[in-house]
Amino acid sequence: MTRLILASQSPARTKLLTEAGIRHTVLVSDVDEDAVQARYGITDPHDTALLLARAKAEAVAALPEADGALVLGCDSVFEFDGEAHGKPYTAEVARERMLRMSGNTGVLHTGHWLVDCRDTDPDDGTETGTGATLGTVASAGVSFLDMEPEEIDAYIATGEPLLCAGSFTIDGLGGAFISKVDGDPHAVVGLSVSTLRGLLAQAQVRITDLWPAP
């Protein structure tokens, strides 16, 4: 049976996979995102999302628990006015960003990286792996409604935007402030199922192989 490991602690990503009927387990990496970015220098938001997704996937793929499985790493970066916005962490940063985002449009980049940890020459009848390690980015434009300062403060007080790339969600309370998504809405949640399907195909796995048995 094909195993998929999600190398992410994001509840939204595992919820999305679960609702899409994709069997998976979660194994969180211990990647220091700031250290990874410092090592590779300044990159644009698109490349940063892919870089961090790869770092997470490869860190988990190196663990004994990943042997025989496919490992998927994901990371999201919001691009606004040419700047990369990750998680704001503090109310002050979130408020400053959201005031600027009000009535405007940005782009959410979600990097996906897949590592095939299955044996490429098994002698016990198990699945044959491809040794693939590959990735891509799914991006979507996000347009925001005008937001009143009081609404922004109330949203920040919930704590939801503090640990989200770009200081917002589409599948939670933040969806009230989004007027339009130009692209795959799953990418805005943090994991594009159609993108995952394409990566699995390159590793010679059908996404239907990860669906529950009828």
Protein backbone atom coordinates (compact mmCIF):
# COMPACT_ATOMS: atom_id res chain seq x y z
CA MET A 1 0.00 0.00 0.00
CA THR A 2 1.35 3.41 -0.99
CA ARG A 3 2.10 5.64 2.00
CA LEU A 4 2.13 9.43 1.92
CA ILE A 5 3.71 11.47 4.71
CA LEU A 6 2.86 15.15 5.01
CA ALA A 7 5.90 17.03 6.34
CA SER A 8 3.87 19.90 7.78
CA GLN A 9 2.23 20.76 11.09
CA SER A 10 -0.47 22.84 9.36
CA PRO A 11 -3.96 21.69 10.46
CA ALA A 12 -5.39 23.25 7.27
CA ARG A 13 -3.19 21.08 5.03
CA THR A 14 -3.99 17.78 6.74
CA LYS A 15 -7.67 18.73 6.83
CA LEU A 16 -7.60 19.46 3.12
CA LEU A 17 -6.00 16.09 2.34
CA THR A 18 -8.46 14.29 4.58
CA GLU A 19 -11.46 15.96 2.94
CA ALA A 20 -10.01 15.08 -0.49
CA GLY A 21 -9.95 11.42 0.58
CA ILE A 22 -6.15 11.16 0.50
CA ARG A 23 -4.65 8.75 3.04
CA HIS A 24 -1.68 10.25 4.81
CA THR A 25 0.17 10.58 8.07
CA VAL A 26 1.85 13.67 9.47
CA LEU A 27 5.51 13.88 10.45
CA VAL A 28 6.68 17.39 11.28
CA SER A 29 10.18 18.51 10.31
CA ASP A 30 12.46 20.49 12.60
CA VAL A 31 13.60 22.82 9.82
CA ASP A 32 14.73 26.28 10.91
CA GLU A 33 13.16 28.41 8.16
CA ASP A 34 15.23 31.49 8.96
CA ALA A 35 18.45 29.47 8.81
CA VAL A 36 17.49 27.94 5.46
CA GLN A 37 16.78 31.35 3.95
CA ALA A 38 19.98 32.79 5.39
CA ARG A 39 21.98 29.94 3.87
CA TYR A 40 20.65 30.50 0.36
CA GLY A 41 20.45 34.28 0.52
CA ILE A 42 17.60 36.54 -0.56
CA THR A 43 15.24 34.91 -3.03
CA ASP A 44 11.90 36.04 -4.44
CA PRO A 45 8.66 34.89 -2.77
CA HIS A 46 8.00 32.21 -5.41
CA ASP A 47 11.44 30.62 -4.97
CA THR A 48 11.34 30.99 -1.18
CA ALA A 49 8.14 28.93 -1.02
CA LEU A 50 9.74 26.15 -3.06
CA LEU A 51 13.01 26.31 -1.13
CA LEU A 52 11.29 25.89 2.24
CA ALA A 53 8.98 23.14 0.96
CA ARG A 54 12.03 21.22 -0.25
CA ALA A 55 13.87 21.70 3.04
CA LYS A 56 10.90 20.31 5.00
CA ALA A 57 10.41 17.34 2.69
CA GLU A 58 14.07 16.39 2.63
CA ALA A 59 14.41 16.70 6.42
CA VAL A 60 11.53 14.27 6.98
CA ALA A 61 12.68 11.99 4.13
CA ALA A 62 15.96 11.50 5.99
CA LEU A 63 14.15 10.02 9.03
CA PRO A 64 13.81 6.23 9.47
CA GLU A 65 10.03 6.59 9.67
CA ALA A 66 9.96 7.76 6.03
CA ASP A 67 11.48 4.59 4.65
CA GLY A 68 9.19 3.15 2.00
CA ALA A 69 6.94 6.20 1.82
CA LEU A 70 6.39 9.29 -0.30
CA VAL A 71 7.08 12.54 1.58
CA LEU A 72 5.38 15.82 0.74
CA GLY A 73 6.65 19.15 2.05
CA CYS A 74 4.73 22.40 1.60
CA ASP A 75 5.31 26.04 2.44
CA SER A 76 3.36 29.21 1.64
CA VAL A 77 4.62 32.75 1.09
CA PHE A 78 2.40 35.75 0.36
CA GLU A 79 3.74 38.29 -2.13
CA PHE A 80 2.46 41.84 -1.75
CA ASP A 81 3.95 44.94 -3.34
CA GLY A 82 6.97 42.85 -4.32
CA GLU A 83 7.64 41.81 -0.72
CA ALA A 84 7.56 38.32 0.77
CA HIS A 85 5.22 37.96 3.72
CA GLY A 86 5.45 34.87 5.87
CA LYS A 87 3.77 34.45 9.25
CA PRO A 88 3.46 37.80 11.09
CA TYR A 89 3.65 36.23 14.60
CA THR A 90 2.79 39.54 16.31
CA ALA A 91 -0.39 41.62 16.32
CA GLU A 92 1.55 44.74 15.35
CA VAL A 93 2.99 43.20 12.20
CA ALA A 94 -0.34 41.62 11.24
CA ARG A 95 -2.20 44.91 11.63
CA GLU A 96 0.31 46.88 9.57
CA ARG A 97 0.13 44.32 6.77
CA MET A 98 -3.65 44.04 6.75
CA LEU A 99 -4.13 47.79 6.62
CA ARG A 100 -2.00 47.81 3.46
CA MET A 101 -3.76 44.76 2.00
CA SER A 102 -7.23 46.25 2.48
CA GLY A 103 -8.86 46.75 -0.94
CA ASN A 104 -5.78 45.45 -2.75
CA THR A 105 -4.48 42.24 -4.33
CA GLY A 106 -1.50 40.00 -3.63
CA VAL A 107 -0.28 36.56 -4.70
CA LEU A 108 -0.08 33.50 -2.47
CA HIS A 109 2.70 31.10 -3.51
CA THR A 110 2.59 27.54 -2.14
CA GLY A 111 5.65 25.40 -2.75
CA HIS A 112 5.27 21.63 -2.99
CA TRP A 113 8.15 19.15 -2.84
CA LEU A 114 7.81 15.38 -3.14
CA VAL A 115 10.49 12.83 -2.22
CA ASP A 116 10.06 9.16 -3.14
CA CYS A 117 11.64 7.14 -0.32
CA ARG A 118 10.56 3.77 -1.67
CA ASP A 119 13.26 1.23 -2.54
CA THR A 120 14.21 1.52 -6.21
CA ASP A 121 15.16 -2.19 -6.36
CA PRO A 122 13.12 -4.06 -3.74
CA ASP A 123 13.66 -7.79 -3.29
CA ASP A 124 10.71 -8.43 -1.00
CA GLY A 125 7.82 -7.78 -3.36
CA THR A 126 7.10 -4.25 -2.06
CA GLU A 127 6.48 -1.24 -4.29
CA THR A 128 9.30 -0.13 -6.55
CA GLY A 129 10.28 3.50 -6.02
CA THR A 130 11.51 5.98 -8.56
CA GLY A 131 13.99 7.87 -6.39
CA ALA A 132 12.23 11.05 -7.49
CA THR A 133 12.78 14.31 -5.66
CA LEU A 134 10.89 17.08 -7.39
CA GLY A 135 8.73 20.10 -6.77
CA THR A 136 6.75 22.99 -8.12
CA VAL A 137 4.84 26.07 -6.98
CA ALA A 138 1.11 26.72 -7.21
CA SER A 139 0.26 30.44 -7.10
CA ALA A 140 -3.05 32.29 -6.88
CA GLY A 141 -4.00 35.95 -6.81
CA VAL A 142 -5.99 37.00 -3.74
CA SER A 143 -8.12 40.14 -3.78
CA PHE A 144 -9.24 41.70 -0.50
CA LEU A 145 -12.31 43.75 0.31
CA ASP A 146 -11.93 47.07 2.09
CA MET A 147 -11.44 46.28 5.77
CA GLU A 148 -12.31 48.63 8.61
CA PRO A 149 -9.60 49.05 11.27
CA GLU A 150 -12.06 47.73 13.85
CA GLU A 151 -12.59 44.58 11.77
CA ILE A 152 -8.86 44.08 11.45
CA ASP A 153 -8.39 44.43 15.21
CA ALA A 154 -11.21 41.99 15.89
CA TYR A 155 -9.72 39.47 13.45
CA ILE A 156 -6.26 39.77 14.97
CA ALA A 157 -7.75 39.31 18.45
CA THR A 158 -8.90 35.83 17.42
CA GLY A 159 -5.27 34.84 16.93
CA GLU A 160 -6.01 33.21 13.57
CA PRO A 161 -3.86 35.42 11.31
CA LEU A 162 -0.73 35.39 13.48
CA LEU A 163 0.50 32.00 12.26
CA CYS A 164 -0.67 32.26 8.65
CA ALA A 165 1.39 33.33 5.66
CA GLY A 166 0.19 36.78 4.68
CA SER A 167 -1.82 37.20 7.91
CA PHE A 168 -5.01 35.64 6.54
CA THR A 169 -6.84 32.40 5.81
CA ILE A 170 -9.42 31.63 3.15
CA ASP A 171 -10.89 28.59 4.90
CA GLY A 172 -11.46 30.28 8.25
CA LEU A 173 -12.54 33.64 9.62
CA GLY A 174 -10.35 35.48 7.12
CA GLY A 175 -12.52 34.31 4.23
CA ALA A 176 -14.95 37.13 5.08
CA PHE A 177 -12.43 39.66 3.76
CA ILE A 178 -11.56 37.96 0.45
CA SER A 179 -13.50 39.03 -2.64
CA LYS A 180 -11.82 36.91 -5.32
CA VAL A 181 -9.21 34.23 -5.90
CA ASP A 182 -7.54 34.06 -9.31
CA GLY A 183 -6.17 30.53 -9.49
CA ASP A 184 -6.39 27.33 -7.47
CA PRO A 185 -8.12 28.13 -4.15
CA HIS A 186 -6.51 25.05 -2.61
CA ALA A 187 -3.14 26.73 -3.12
CA VAL A 188 -4.36 29.56 -0.90
CA VAL A 189 -5.28 27.04 1.81
CA GLY A 190 -1.71 25.76 1.59
CA LEU A 191 -1.76 22.62 -0.57
CA SER A 192 -2.96 22.22 -4.15
CA VAL A 193 -4.45 18.76 -4.62
CA SER A 194 -4.18 19.02 -8.41
CA THR A 195 -0.51 19.96 -8.07
CA LEU A 196 0.03 16.97 -5.77
CA ARG A 197 -1.60 14.75 -8.42
CA GLY A 198 0.92 15.95 -10.98
CA LEU A 199 3.91 15.35 -8.70
CA LEU A 200 2.67 11.86 -7.81
CA ALA A 201 2.30 11.06 -11.51
CA GLN A 202 5.97 11.91 -12.04
CA ALA A 203 6.77 9.39 -9.29
CA GLN A 204 4.58 6.87 -11.15
CA VAL A 205 1.81 6.95 -8.54
CA ARG A 206 -1.83 7.68 -9.25
CA ILE A 207 -3.57 9.90 -6.71
CA THR A 208 -6.38 7.33 -6.71
CA ASP A 209 -3.91 4.88 -5.14
CA LEU A 210 -4.14 7.03 -2.01
CA TRP A 211 -7.94 7.00 -1.86
CA PRO A 212 -9.63 4.73 0.68
CA ALA A 213 -10.60 1.29 -0.58
CA PRO A 214 -14.27 1.19 -1.73
